[in-house]
Amino acid sequence: MRNTTKLKHMLLKYTFTLDMDEDDFFKLVLTDKQTNHMQLIEGKSYSEVLSKGYSYFLKELKKEK
């Protein structure tokens, strides 16, 4: 699945904040739109944090069902 498609799916449930620190590590903060629960995901690349974020998204969807 393309990163754009993953992002589109996650944006239905989460507010998405992406940042990079001085050591070139990406930080992704997912904030649930309904509960305001925040999840921090870190990685070396945009693709890595997006993949981890999507995995977290799918795991949370399974919990809700």
C-alpha atoms as a PDB file:
ATOM      1  CA  MET A   1       0.000   0.000   0.000  1.00  0.00           C
ATOM      2  CA  ARG A   2       1.298   3.455  -0.832  1.00  0.00           C
ATOM      3  CA  ASN A   3       2.195   5.927   1.901  1.00  0.00           C
ATOM      4  CA  THR A   4      -0.415   8.378   0.614  1.00  0.00           C
ATOM      5  CA  THR A   5      -3.146   5.766   1.007  1.00  0.00           C
ATOM      6  CA  LYS A   6      -1.979   4.894   4.538  1.00  0.00           C
ATOM      7  CA  LEU A   7      -1.980   8.564   5.465  1.00  0.00           C
ATOM      8  CA  LYS A   8      -5.465   9.075   4.047  1.00  0.00           C
ATOM      9  CA  HIS A   9      -6.836   6.174   6.122  1.00  0.00           C
ATOM     10  CA  MET A  10      -5.153   7.364   9.337  1.00  0.00           C
ATOM     11  CA  LEU A  11      -6.418  10.930   8.894  1.00  0.00           C
ATOM     12  CA  LEU A  12      -9.988   9.669   9.203  1.00  0.00           C
ATOM     13  CA  LYS A  13      -9.327   8.764  12.851  1.00  0.00           C
ATOM     14  CA  TYR A  14      -6.272  10.799  13.906  1.00  0.00           C
ATOM     15  CA  THR A  15      -4.834  14.267  13.795  1.00  0.00           C
ATOM     16  CA  PHE A  16      -1.373  13.814  12.357  1.00  0.00           C
ATOM     17  CA  THR A  17       1.723  15.772  13.496  1.00  0.00           C
ATOM     18  CA  LEU A  18       5.072  15.093  11.867  1.00  0.00           C
ATOM     19  CA  ASP A  19       8.356  16.609  13.030  1.00  0.00           C
ATOM     20  CA  MET A  20      12.086  15.961  12.715  1.00  0.00           C
ATOM     21  CA  ASP A  21      14.695  16.580  15.418  1.00  0.00           C
ATOM     22  CA  GLU A  22      18.281  17.750  15.015  1.00  0.00           C
ATOM     23  CA  ASP A  23      19.498  14.130  14.769  1.00  0.00           C
ATOM     24  CA  ASP A  24      17.302  13.561  11.685  1.00  0.00           C
ATOM     25  CA  PHE A  25      14.844  11.324  13.558  1.00  0.00           C
ATOM     26  CA  PHE A  26      11.220  11.666  12.512  1.00  0.00           C
ATOM     27  CA  LYS A  27       8.560  11.962  15.188  1.00  0.00           C
ATOM     28  CA  LEU A  28       4.939  11.243  14.433  1.00  0.00           C
ATOM     29  CA  VAL A  29       2.253  12.138  16.955  1.00  0.00           C
ATOM     30  CA  LEU A  30      -1.155  10.602  16.357  1.00  0.00           C
ATOM     31  CA  THR A  31      -3.969  12.236  18.326  1.00  0.00           C
ATOM     32  CA  ASP A  32      -7.293  10.400  18.346  1.00  0.00           C
ATOM     33  CA  LYS A  33     -10.033  12.779  17.193  1.00  0.00           C
ATOM     34  CA  GLN A  34     -12.627  11.305  19.576  1.00  0.00           C
ATOM     35  CA  THR A  35     -10.668  10.586  22.763  1.00  0.00           C
ATOM     36  CA  ASN A  36      -7.674  12.954  22.372  1.00  0.00           C
ATOM     37  CA  HIS A  37      -5.359  10.026  23.236  1.00  0.00           C
ATOM     38  CA  MET A  38      -1.868  10.714  21.872  1.00  0.00           C
ATOM     39  CA  GLN A  39       0.653   8.191  20.554  1.00  0.00           C
ATOM     40  CA  LEU A  40       4.275   9.098  19.743  1.00  0.00           C
ATOM     41  CA  ILE A  41       6.067   7.109  17.047  1.00  0.00           C
ATOM     42  CA  GLU A  42       9.729   7.644  16.168  1.00  0.00           C
ATOM     43  CA  GLY A  43      11.870   6.418  13.296  1.00  0.00           C
ATOM     44  CA  LYS A  44      14.735   7.119  10.937  1.00  0.00           C
ATOM     45  CA  SER A  45      12.598   7.866   7.877  1.00  0.00           C
ATOM     46  CA  TYR A  46       9.187   9.150   6.846  1.00  0.00           C
ATOM     47  CA  SER A  47       8.267   5.730   5.470  1.00  0.00           C
ATOM     48  CA  GLU A  48       9.248   4.012   8.706  1.00  0.00           C
ATOM     49  CA  VAL A  49       7.136   6.226  10.971  1.00  0.00           C
ATOM     50  CA  LEU A  50       4.218   6.069   8.564  1.00  0.00           C
ATOM     51  CA  SER A  51       4.362   2.254   8.486  1.00  0.00           C
ATOM     52  CA  LYS A  52       4.550   2.081  12.288  1.00  0.00           C
ATOM     53  CA  GLY A  53       1.684   4.567  12.528  1.00  0.00           C
ATOM     54  CA  TYR A  54      -0.435   2.523  10.147  1.00  0.00           C
ATOM     55  CA  SER A  55       0.256  -0.640  12.127  1.00  0.00           C
ATOM     56  CA  TYR A  56      -0.814   1.165  15.298  1.00  0.00           C
ATOM     57  CA  PHE A  57      -3.950   2.394  13.500  1.00  0.00           C
ATOM     58  CA  LEU A  58      -4.906  -1.158  12.462  1.00  0.00           C
ATOM     59  CA  LYS A  59      -4.243  -2.486  15.981  1.00  0.00           C
ATOM     60  CA  GLU A  60      -6.521   0.170  17.479  1.00  0.00           C
ATOM     61  CA  LEU A  61      -9.267  -0.581  14.962  1.00  0.00           C
ATOM     62  CA  LYS A  62      -9.218  -4.255  16.004  1.00  0.00           C
ATOM     63  CA  LYS A  63      -9.570  -3.245  19.666  1.00  0.00           C
ATOM     64  CA  GLU A  64     -12.681  -1.188  18.881  1.00  0.00           C
ATOM     65  CA  LYS A  65     -14.491  -4.086  17.212  1.00  0.00           C
END
